[in-house]
Amino acid sequence: MARLQHSYAVDGRGVFGVAICDSRIYLTQCECNWINVFSASDPYDFLDTIDVPEMTNPSDILVFECCLYIPDNMYPKSHFYFNMKSDRDHCVWKIPMSNSASPVQPEKMLTSLGKWWPWTLSRTLDGSRIIITTLRNKVYFWSPEQNVYEVVTLHPDVHGAQHIIELSCQSYLICFRSCLKNICCVCLQKIRRLVRKGNEMHFAENPSSLDVHHPRHLLELPDGRILVPDHIKNRVLVLAKDLKNHTVLLHCGPESNDKTRPCRVAYDSSSKKLVVAFHHSAGLYSLDIDRIEVQH
């Protein structure tokens, strides 16, 4: 179903964001202030490093209107481990995409929101806005060109939202933690359908849902099925549209050498190429979605 074409190894921290556009692959890494650029075509060469000097803790990457967008909570993990505080405001970086040799000029945006913990990005179905999922109970619908946004509040049962995407069936999908009532420190990892009502998001009535060990990212394929990296179980799943059935697209893990802990996915429908972010590498796969059969 998915055939490995190339593996991109990186030094240092784990890969925490992947994007594919115009036969180029863009990778961000945890606590790194650069973006690695590779060719998505044979011989899969390393092409460039885009330096973003002030970037501190990038957690995703999205191509949107000829720019790269990267959420950054400006909070190194070392600060977290040693209970150190950061006084820098969180942001989303905007980096113009350019084939010229001249250096790009990154722009730091949405700093006026203060400590708002942006985490992952997706685009609205009409392609006009970026959906910013945060580690709090807020979602931002942002128009970068006008730099205006709407704030939407999530259901109170949502804890630790990982990613939200808009679906072609006029609803949204979220992967998140849900803590069991009256049972301390017991959380389930869930994927649920959401509907938006004004400035609030609610779980859909009679919802279909799927418990996945540790979903980190979501991607709707052109036929409406959903790709989900199952981080802890080292696999990438394909979910049916109703979320009731799934099949395993990729098995990862120690036997796969550097391909462990998948956390981000990106798909280019024109070239039928899938990019998966692993702990210290990224895998480029050819993926013909017409040949995927979801188990029932």
Protein backbone atom coordinates (compact mmCIF):
# COMPACT_ATOMS: atom_id res chain seq x y z
CA MET A 1 0.00 0.00 0.00
CA ALA A 2 2.71 2.46 1.01
CA ARG A 3 6.13 1.82 -0.50
CA LEU A 4 9.22 3.45 0.99
CA GLN A 5 11.09 5.58 -1.54
CA HIS A 6 13.61 7.26 0.71
CA SER A 7 14.53 7.91 4.34
CA TYR A 8 15.84 11.32 5.37
CA ALA A 9 18.08 11.12 8.44
CA VAL A 10 18.68 14.22 10.54
CA ASP A 11 21.11 15.04 13.34
CA GLY A 12 20.10 16.24 16.75
CA ARG A 13 16.54 16.46 18.00
CA GLY A 14 13.51 14.54 16.80
CA VAL A 15 11.56 15.57 13.70
CA PHE A 16 8.43 17.47 14.75
CA GLY A 17 7.04 18.77 11.47
CA VAL A 18 6.89 17.71 7.81
CA ALA A 19 5.58 19.41 4.68
CA ILE A 20 5.81 18.59 0.98
CA CYS A 21 5.36 21.14 -1.80
CA ASP A 22 6.72 21.52 -5.35
CA SER A 23 8.89 18.38 -5.05
CA ARG A 24 10.50 19.70 -1.88
CA ILE A 25 10.28 18.34 1.65
CA TYR A 26 10.56 20.62 4.66
CA LEU A 27 11.48 19.24 8.11
CA THR A 28 11.46 20.96 11.50
CA GLN A 29 13.01 19.49 14.64
CA CYS A 30 12.27 19.89 18.32
CA GLU A 31 14.24 22.74 19.91
CA CYS A 32 16.03 23.59 16.64
CA ASN A 33 16.16 26.99 14.94
CA TRP A 34 16.38 25.79 11.36
CA ILE A 35 14.37 24.03 8.64
CA ASN A 36 15.99 21.32 6.53
CA VAL A 37 14.96 21.19 2.87
CA PHE A 38 15.29 18.03 0.76
CA SER A 39 14.33 16.96 -2.72
CA ALA A 40 11.28 14.71 -2.95
CA SER A 41 12.58 13.20 -6.20
CA ASP A 42 15.46 10.85 -6.98
CA PRO A 43 18.30 11.28 -5.92
CA TYR A 44 16.56 12.89 -2.89
CA ASP A 45 19.34 15.36 -2.24
CA PHE A 46 19.69 17.71 0.68
CA LEU A 47 18.95 21.16 -0.79
CA ASP A 48 19.15 23.83 1.86
CA THR A 49 18.92 24.90 5.48
CA ILE A 50 16.61 27.79 6.30
CA ASP A 51 17.83 29.51 9.46
CA VAL A 52 15.28 31.03 11.84
CA PRO A 53 17.60 32.47 14.53
CA GLU A 54 15.05 33.09 17.29
CA MET A 55 12.97 29.96 16.77
CA THR A 56 13.05 27.90 19.97
CA ASN A 57 10.65 24.95 20.06
CA PRO A 58 8.86 24.37 16.73
CA SER A 59 6.08 21.77 16.86
CA ASP A 60 4.63 21.59 13.32
CA ILE A 61 4.98 23.08 9.84
CA LEU A 62 2.38 24.03 7.22
CA VAL A 63 2.66 25.32 3.65
CA PHE A 64 0.10 28.09 3.13
CA GLU A 65 0.02 30.68 0.34
CA CYS A 66 3.70 30.35 -0.63
CA CYS A 67 4.92 30.58 2.95
CA LEU A 68 5.91 28.17 5.69
CA TYR A 69 4.12 28.57 9.03
CA ILE A 70 5.55 27.10 12.23
CA PRO A 71 4.04 27.25 15.75
CA ASP A 72 6.58 27.94 18.51
CA ASN A 73 5.86 28.09 22.24
CA MET A 74 9.38 29.51 22.82
CA TYR A 75 9.77 27.09 25.73
CA PRO A 76 12.75 24.69 25.60
CA LYS A 77 12.19 21.29 27.17
CA SER A 78 15.14 21.88 29.48
CA HIS A 79 13.16 24.74 31.05
CA PHE A 80 10.25 22.37 31.62
CA TYR A 81 12.37 19.62 33.20
CA PHE A 82 14.06 22.05 35.60
CA ASN A 83 10.86 24.01 36.30
CA MET A 84 12.29 27.13 34.69
CA LYS A 85 10.00 29.81 33.30
CA SER A 86 10.27 31.61 29.98
CA ASP A 87 9.18 35.22 29.66
CA ARG A 88 8.99 35.15 25.85
CA ASP A 89 5.61 35.31 24.16
CA HIS A 90 4.54 32.39 21.99
CA CYS A 91 4.21 32.86 18.24
CA VAL A 92 3.71 31.44 14.77
CA TRP A 93 6.63 31.97 12.40
CA LYS A 94 5.96 33.03 8.81
CA ILE A 95 8.79 32.19 6.40
CA PRO A 96 8.46 33.05 2.68
CA MET A 97 9.32 30.19 0.32
CA SER A 98 11.95 31.19 -2.21
CA ASN A 99 14.15 29.45 -4.77
CA SER A 100 16.59 32.34 -4.87
CA ALA A 101 19.94 32.41 -3.13
CA SER A 102 19.04 35.47 -1.06
CA PRO A 103 18.26 34.76 2.61
CA VAL A 104 14.61 34.69 3.68
CA GLN A 105 13.27 37.02 6.35
CA PRO A 106 11.23 35.12 8.97
CA GLU A 107 8.40 37.06 10.58
CA LYS A 108 7.24 36.44 14.14
CA MET A 109 3.43 36.67 14.33
CA LEU A 110 0.64 36.54 16.94
CA THR A 111 2.97 37.47 19.80
CA SER A 112 0.27 39.78 21.21
CA LEU A 113 -1.57 36.67 22.43
CA GLY A 114 1.10 36.12 25.09
CA LYS A 115 1.37 32.59 26.53
CA TRP A 116 -1.20 30.77 24.37
CA TRP A 117 0.62 27.49 23.59
CA PRO A 118 0.21 26.98 19.81
CA TRP A 119 0.88 23.36 18.91
CA THR A 120 -0.26 22.18 15.45
CA LEU A 121 -1.61 23.68 12.23
CA SER A 122 -4.06 22.78 9.48
CA ARG A 123 -5.96 24.71 6.82
CA THR A 124 -9.68 25.36 6.50
CA LEU A 125 -11.48 23.48 3.75
CA ASP A 126 -11.79 26.59 1.58
CA GLY A 127 -8.07 27.27 1.98
CA SER A 128 -8.63 30.78 3.32
CA ARG A 129 -7.47 30.37 6.94
CA ILE A 130 -5.12 28.43 9.18
CA ILE A 131 -6.56 26.42 12.08
CA ILE A 132 -4.22 26.64 15.08
CA THR A 133 -4.65 23.90 17.68
CA THR A 134 -3.32 24.89 21.10
CA LEU A 135 -2.48 22.91 24.22
CA ARG A 136 -5.19 24.85 26.02
CA ASN A 137 -8.92 24.58 25.28
CA LYS A 138 -8.82 27.20 22.51
CA VAL A 139 -8.64 26.95 18.71
CA TYR A 140 -7.72 29.89 16.50
CA PHE A 141 -9.02 30.44 12.95
CA TRP A 142 -6.41 32.79 11.55
CA SER A 143 -6.12 34.80 8.32
CA PRO A 144 -2.37 35.57 8.09
CA GLU A 145 -2.64 38.13 5.31
CA GLN A 146 -5.00 40.35 7.30
CA ASN A 147 -3.59 39.05 10.60
CA VAL A 148 -7.08 38.62 12.07
CA TYR A 149 -8.38 35.60 13.95
CA GLU A 150 -11.42 34.05 15.60
CA VAL A 151 -11.12 32.23 18.92
CA VAL A 152 -13.20 29.07 19.41
CA THR A 153 -13.56 27.24 22.73
CA LEU A 154 -13.36 23.43 22.86
CA HIS A 155 -15.58 21.05 24.83
CA PRO A 156 -14.49 20.90 28.52
CA ASP A 157 -13.81 17.14 28.24
CA VAL A 158 -10.95 17.87 25.86
CA HIS A 159 -7.57 17.80 27.58
CA GLY A 160 -4.35 18.16 25.65
CA ALA A 161 -5.70 18.66 22.13
CA GLN A 162 -3.12 17.44 19.62
CA HIS A 163 -4.58 18.36 16.23
CA ILE A 164 -7.82 19.58 14.63
CA ILE A 165 -8.69 19.41 10.94
CA GLU A 166 -11.76 20.47 8.97
CA LEU A 167 -13.41 17.62 7.06
CA SER A 168 -15.15 17.66 3.70
CA CYS A 169 -18.40 16.54 5.42
CA GLN A 170 -18.90 19.95 7.11
CA SER A 171 -17.48 18.94 10.47
CA TYR A 172 -14.12 18.77 12.24
CA LEU A 173 -11.96 16.00 13.64
CA ILE A 174 -9.83 16.17 16.77
CA CYS A 175 -7.34 13.88 18.49
CA PHE A 176 -6.95 14.55 22.21
CA ARG A 177 -6.77 13.21 25.74
CA SER A 178 -9.98 12.60 27.72
CA CYS A 179 -9.59 12.09 31.46
CA LEU A 180 -11.96 9.62 33.12
CA LYS A 181 -14.25 11.21 35.67
CA ASN A 182 -13.54 10.40 39.32
CA ILE A 183 -10.39 8.46 38.37
CA CYS A 184 -7.27 10.49 38.96
CA CYS A 185 -4.57 10.55 36.25
CA VAL A 186 -6.39 8.09 33.95
CA CYS A 187 -6.69 9.45 30.41
CA LEU A 188 -7.84 7.92 27.15
CA GLN A 189 -6.52 9.01 23.79
CA LYS A 190 -9.45 9.66 21.48
CA ILE A 191 -10.37 10.76 17.98
CA ARG A 192 -13.77 12.44 17.83
CA ARG A 193 -15.87 14.37 15.38
CA LEU A 194 -16.69 17.99 16.25
CA VAL A 195 -19.26 20.52 15.07
CA ARG A 196 -18.82 24.26 15.40
CA LYS A 197 -21.63 26.39 16.82
CA GLY A 198 -20.60 30.01 16.86
CA ASN A 199 -17.51 30.38 19.00
CA GLU A 200 -17.74 26.91 20.53
CA MET A 201 -16.99 23.40 19.34
CA HIS A 202 -19.07 20.48 20.56
CA PHE A 203 -18.87 16.73 20.06
CA ALA A 204 -21.15 15.57 17.27
CA GLU A 205 -24.39 13.89 18.33
CA ASN A 206 -24.29 10.08 18.20
CA PRO A 207 -20.58 10.39 17.48
CA SER A 208 -18.39 7.77 15.99
CA SER A 209 -15.07 7.66 17.78
CA LEU A 210 -11.94 5.58 17.89
CA ASP A 211 -9.57 5.01 20.79
CA VAL A 212 -5.99 5.10 19.54
CA HIS A 213 -3.05 4.57 21.85
CA HIS A 214 -1.45 7.95 21.17
CA PRO A 215 -2.67 9.84 18.07
CA ARG A 216 -0.54 12.88 17.30
CA HIS A 217 -1.73 14.19 13.93
CA LEU A 218 -4.60 13.93 11.44
CA LEU A 219 -4.78 14.13 7.67
CA GLU A 220 -7.83 13.73 5.44
CA LEU A 221 -7.05 11.95 2.19
CA PRO A 222 -8.81 13.04 -1.05
CA ASP A 223 -11.33 10.17 -0.71
CA GLY A 224 -12.34 11.23 2.83
CA ARG A 225 -10.44 8.61 4.80
CA ILE A 226 -8.13 9.74 7.59
CA LEU A 227 -4.42 9.10 8.21
CA VAL A 228 -3.37 8.95 11.87
CA PRO A 229 0.14 8.39 13.25
CA ASP A 230 -0.25 6.17 16.36
CA HIS A 231 2.82 7.44 18.20
CA ILE A 232 3.37 4.90 20.97
CA LYS A 233 2.39 1.79 18.98
CA ASN A 234 4.74 2.77 16.14
CA ARG A 235 2.25 2.62 13.30
CA VAL A 236 0.30 4.79 10.88
CA LEU A 237 -3.41 4.01 10.55
CA VAL A 238 -5.99 4.65 7.84
CA LEU A 239 -9.45 5.26 9.31
CA ALA A 240 -12.71 4.77 7.47
CA LYS A 241 -14.88 7.88 7.01
CA ASP A 242 -17.22 6.76 9.81
CA LEU A 243 -14.22 6.19 12.15
CA LYS A 244 -15.53 2.72 12.98
CA ASN A 245 -12.92 0.71 11.10
CA HIS A 246 -9.27 1.06 10.28
CA THR A 247 -6.30 -0.67 8.74
CA VAL A 248 -2.60 -0.40 9.48
CA LEU A 249 -0.83 1.41 6.66
CA LEU A 250 2.69 1.32 8.14
CA HIS A 251 4.31 -0.77 10.85
CA CYS A 252 7.24 1.05 12.40
CA GLY A 253 9.35 0.26 15.44
CA PRO A 254 12.87 -0.91 16.40
CA GLU A 255 13.00 -3.40 13.54
CA SER A 256 12.56 -0.45 11.16
CA ASN A 257 15.93 1.04 12.19
CA ASP A 258 15.39 4.80 12.48
CA LYS A 259 11.61 4.72 11.89
CA THR A 260 10.05 4.91 15.35
CA ARG A 261 7.48 7.11 17.08
CA PRO A 262 5.63 8.61 14.07
CA CYS A 263 4.14 12.00 14.98
CA ARG A 264 3.38 14.04 11.82
CA VAL A 265 2.14 13.25 8.30
CA ALA A 266 1.81 15.18 5.03
CA TYR A 267 0.46 14.01 1.66
CA ASP A 268 0.83 15.42 -1.85
CA SER A 269 -2.08 14.16 -3.96
CA SER A 270 -0.54 15.27 -7.27
CA SER A 271 2.56 13.09 -6.84
CA LYS A 272 0.85 10.51 -4.56
CA LYS A 273 3.65 10.91 -2.02
CA LEU A 274 3.33 10.60 1.74
CA VAL A 275 5.85 12.01 4.23
CA VAL A 276 5.97 10.69 7.79
CA ALA A 277 7.93 12.32 10.62
CA PHE A 278 9.66 9.79 12.87
CA HIS A 279 11.79 10.34 15.94
CA HIS A 280 15.09 11.07 14.15
CA SER A 281 14.17 10.79 10.49
CA ALA A 282 11.42 11.26 7.93
CA GLY A 283 10.19 8.66 5.47
CA LEU A 284 9.00 9.39 1.93
CA TYR A 285 6.47 6.85 0.61
CA SER A 286 4.55 6.36 -2.60
CA LEU A 287 0.89 5.96 -1.68
CA ASP A 288 -1.91 5.07 -4.07
CA ILE A 289 -5.04 5.59 -1.97
CA ASP A 290 -7.16 3.58 -4.42
CA ARG A 291 -5.32 0.45 -3.30
CA ILE A 292 -5.98 0.89 0.44
CA GLU A 293 -8.58 -1.46 1.85
CA VAL A 294 -9.95 -0.60 5.30
CA GLN A 295 -10.79 -3.65 7.44
CA HIS A 296 -14.43 -4.18 8.49
